[in-house]
Amino acid sequence: MTPAKTLNDFHRWLLDDTPDTVGYLRVIVIHGAAEYPLLAAAVSEYLNEYDDDSKGKWLALAPSLIEAIADDSAQRRLLGVEDPCPKCPPTGPCGLRKVIKALALHGRVVLDSEHAPKASHDLEGIFHVGLATDMKDCHLTINPGKFKARCLAPIIGDIYLEWLHCSFSPHHE
């Protein structure tokens, strides 16, 4: 269970599917995941198995891959990301946030970058998970010390799917 680490993984995900266009994004942002580097990959794997609507298209990207995409103008263009600000390097916080936002706009991605909360703050339909005790901007806050590590991905995945179907399904009010 490791996040996508190569540009080939990224290209396969990007070209294998069109961006979400159903009126909401399928994105999970995990806050405070530095101590759990494999959690995003575990959540995307779980959703690939249990989110029937997504047909196995969920992806988590390793931080090094997000930096590689940000650092390469051809990769940024594939995502539709404009050139970085003249004062900022492409792999600086501003450049990384632009790439992360473009990934989120494509959908079906689990993001655990420290820049993901700020990159996605103005997007609708993002499910935020906090791995701490005081995350007021999160839909779900988990104290990971109270669960076995293997339980975190199913808990996050199941609650996300319930939230998604209750929030965006016309059958639930």
Protein backbone atom coordinates (compact mmCIF):
# COMPACT_ATOMS: atom_id res chain seq x y z
CA MET A 1 0.00 0.00 0.00
CA THR A 2 2.08 2.90 -1.21
CA PRO A 3 1.03 6.13 -2.86
CA ALA A 4 1.62 6.66 -6.57
CA LYS A 5 5.31 7.43 -6.91
CA THR A 6 5.95 7.64 -10.64
CA LEU A 7 4.87 9.95 -13.41
CA ASN A 8 3.50 6.87 -15.20
CA ASP A 9 1.09 6.27 -12.28
CA PHE A 10 0.04 9.91 -12.43
CA HIS A 11 -0.40 9.85 -16.23
CA ARG A 12 -2.43 6.64 -16.10
CA TRP A 13 -4.78 8.19 -13.51
CA LEU A 14 -5.01 11.51 -15.35
CA LEU A 15 -5.62 10.08 -18.80
CA ASP A 16 -7.72 7.10 -17.75
CA ASP A 17 -10.65 9.20 -16.69
CA THR A 18 -12.19 12.59 -17.20
CA PRO A 19 -12.45 15.05 -14.34
CA ASP A 20 -15.49 14.88 -12.10
CA THR A 21 -18.29 16.84 -13.72
CA VAL A 22 -21.27 15.71 -11.70
CA GLY A 23 -21.49 18.89 -9.63
CA TYR A 24 -19.23 17.84 -6.76
CA LEU A 25 -15.65 16.74 -6.33
CA ARG A 26 -14.58 13.39 -4.99
CA VAL A 27 -11.66 14.48 -2.85
CA ILE A 28 -10.47 13.73 0.65
CA VAL A 29 -7.95 16.01 2.36
CA ILE A 30 -6.25 14.53 5.40
CA HIS A 31 -4.93 17.12 7.85
CA GLY A 32 -2.04 16.25 10.14
CA ALA A 33 -1.02 13.05 8.35
CA ALA A 34 2.76 13.48 8.66
CA GLU A 35 3.00 10.63 11.18
CA TYR A 36 0.89 8.39 8.90
CA PRO A 37 2.62 8.51 5.49
CA LEU A 38 0.75 5.49 4.09
CA LEU A 39 -2.74 6.50 5.22
CA ALA A 40 -3.70 8.40 2.04
CA ALA A 41 -2.71 5.40 -0.07
CA ALA A 42 -4.65 3.05 2.21
CA VAL A 43 -7.76 5.25 1.95
CA SER A 44 -7.51 5.42 -1.86
CA GLU A 45 -7.05 1.64 -2.02
CA TYR A 46 -10.06 1.14 0.25
CA LEU A 47 -12.20 3.46 -1.89
CA ASN A 48 -11.03 1.71 -5.06
CA GLU A 49 -12.53 -1.44 -3.60
CA TYR A 50 -15.73 -0.03 -2.08
CA ASP A 51 -16.67 3.13 -4.03
CA ASP A 52 -18.50 1.48 -6.94
CA ASP A 53 -19.23 4.81 -8.64
CA SER A 54 -15.53 5.59 -9.04
CA LYS A 55 -14.61 2.33 -10.79
CA GLY A 56 -11.22 2.02 -9.09
CA LYS A 57 -9.96 5.48 -10.12
CA TRP A 58 -8.92 6.83 -6.69
CA LEU A 59 -5.30 7.93 -6.31
CA ALA A 60 -2.97 9.14 -3.57
CA LEU A 61 0.24 10.81 -4.68
CA ALA A 62 3.55 10.67 -2.84
CA PRO A 63 4.81 14.15 -1.86
CA SER A 64 7.86 13.63 -4.07
CA LEU A 65 5.58 13.04 -7.07
CA ILE A 66 3.59 16.22 -6.38
CA GLU A 67 6.90 18.11 -6.29
CA ALA A 68 8.03 16.47 -9.55
CA ILE A 69 4.79 17.51 -11.25
CA ALA A 70 5.12 21.06 -9.90
CA ASP A 71 8.73 21.27 -11.06
CA ASP A 72 8.02 20.23 -14.66
CA SER A 73 6.17 22.68 -16.93
CA ALA A 74 4.94 19.84 -19.20
CA GLN A 75 3.37 18.02 -16.25
CA ARG A 76 1.80 21.24 -14.98
CA ARG A 77 0.30 21.86 -18.43
CA LEU A 78 -1.24 18.36 -18.39
CA LEU A 79 -3.13 19.44 -15.28
CA GLY A 80 -3.96 22.86 -16.72
CA VAL A 81 -1.80 24.67 -14.18
CA GLU A 82 -0.53 28.07 -15.21
CA ASP A 83 3.08 29.02 -14.77
CA PRO A 84 4.17 29.73 -11.22
CA CYS A 85 4.20 33.25 -9.83
CA PRO A 86 7.31 35.14 -10.94
CA LYS A 87 8.46 35.51 -7.33
CA CYS A 88 7.83 31.87 -6.38
CA PRO A 89 9.69 28.74 -7.44
CA PRO A 90 7.41 26.06 -8.94
CA THR A 91 8.07 23.75 -5.99
CA GLY A 92 7.53 26.47 -3.39
CA PRO A 93 4.31 26.57 -1.36
CA CYS A 94 2.44 28.63 -3.98
CA GLY A 95 3.43 26.32 -6.85
CA LEU A 96 2.60 23.19 -4.86
CA ARG A 97 -0.81 24.59 -3.91
CA LYS A 98 -1.62 25.24 -7.58
CA VAL A 99 -0.77 21.65 -8.50
CA ILE A 100 -2.70 20.26 -5.53
CA LYS A 101 -5.76 22.35 -6.42
CA ALA A 102 -5.61 21.08 -10.02
CA LEU A 103 -5.40 17.49 -8.74
CA ALA A 104 -8.43 18.16 -6.53
CA LEU A 105 -10.37 19.63 -9.44
CA HIS A 106 -9.74 16.42 -11.38
CA GLY A 107 -11.24 14.46 -8.49
CA ARG A 108 -10.87 10.98 -7.05
CA VAL A 109 -7.78 11.88 -5.12
CA VAL A 110 -6.75 11.57 -1.46
CA LEU A 111 -4.43 14.40 -0.48
CA ASP A 112 -2.30 14.48 2.64
CA SER A 113 0.12 17.28 1.78
CA GLU A 114 0.58 20.01 4.35
CA HIS A 115 -0.44 22.40 1.53
CA ALA A 116 -3.68 20.57 0.67
CA PRO A 117 -5.97 22.32 3.19
CA LYS A 118 -5.01 25.78 1.94
CA ALA A 119 -5.03 24.68 -1.73
CA SER A 120 -8.58 23.34 -1.44
CA HIS A 121 -10.15 25.80 1.01
CA ASP A 122 -12.32 27.49 -1.64
CA LEU A 123 -13.51 24.29 -3.35
CA GLU A 124 -16.95 22.82 -2.67
CA GLY A 125 -17.43 19.15 -1.93
CA ILE A 126 -14.05 18.39 -0.37
CA PHE A 127 -14.19 16.02 2.62
CA HIS A 128 -11.69 17.09 5.31
CA VAL A 129 -10.37 14.63 7.88
CA GLY A 130 -8.34 15.78 10.87
CA LEU A 131 -5.93 13.53 12.70
CA ALA A 132 -5.94 15.62 15.85
CA THR A 133 -8.31 16.68 18.55
CA ASP A 134 -9.05 20.26 17.45
CA MET A 135 -9.79 20.50 13.74
CA LYS A 136 -12.83 22.79 13.52
CA ASP A 137 -12.71 22.98 9.71
CA CYS A 138 -12.85 19.21 9.27
CA HIS A 139 -15.89 17.05 8.63
CA LEU A 140 -14.34 14.27 10.68
CA THR A 141 -11.75 14.38 13.44
CA ILE A 142 -10.10 11.16 14.51
CA ASN A 143 -7.77 10.48 17.41
CA PRO A 144 -5.57 7.92 15.62
CA GLY A 145 -4.06 6.75 18.91
CA LYS A 146 -7.42 5.22 19.81
CA PHE A 147 -7.50 2.94 16.75
CA LYS A 148 -5.24 0.31 15.29
CA ALA A 149 -3.47 1.76 12.23
CA ARG A 150 -5.17 -0.75 9.90
CA CYS A 151 -8.60 0.53 10.99
CA LEU A 152 -8.07 4.17 9.97
CA ALA A 153 -8.54 3.75 6.20
CA PRO A 154 -11.84 1.81 6.46
CA ILE A 155 -13.19 4.28 9.02
CA ILE A 156 -12.31 7.28 6.86
CA GLY A 157 -13.49 5.58 3.66
CA ASP A 158 -16.83 4.44 5.08
CA ILE A 159 -17.64 7.78 6.69
CA TYR A 160 -16.64 9.59 3.49
CA LEU A 161 -18.97 7.40 1.39
CA GLU A 162 -21.85 7.98 3.83
CA TRP A 163 -21.20 11.73 3.76
CA LEU A 164 -20.99 11.72 -0.04
CA HIS A 165 -24.24 9.85 -0.52
CA CYS A 166 -26.12 11.81 2.15
CA SER A 167 -24.83 15.18 0.95
CA PHE A 168 -25.06 14.82 -2.81
CA SER A 169 -27.63 12.12 -3.51
CA PRO A 170 -31.09 13.38 -4.48
CA HIS A 171 -32.58 10.41 -2.59
CA HIS A 172 -31.39 11.62 0.82
CA GLU A 173 -32.79 14.70 2.48
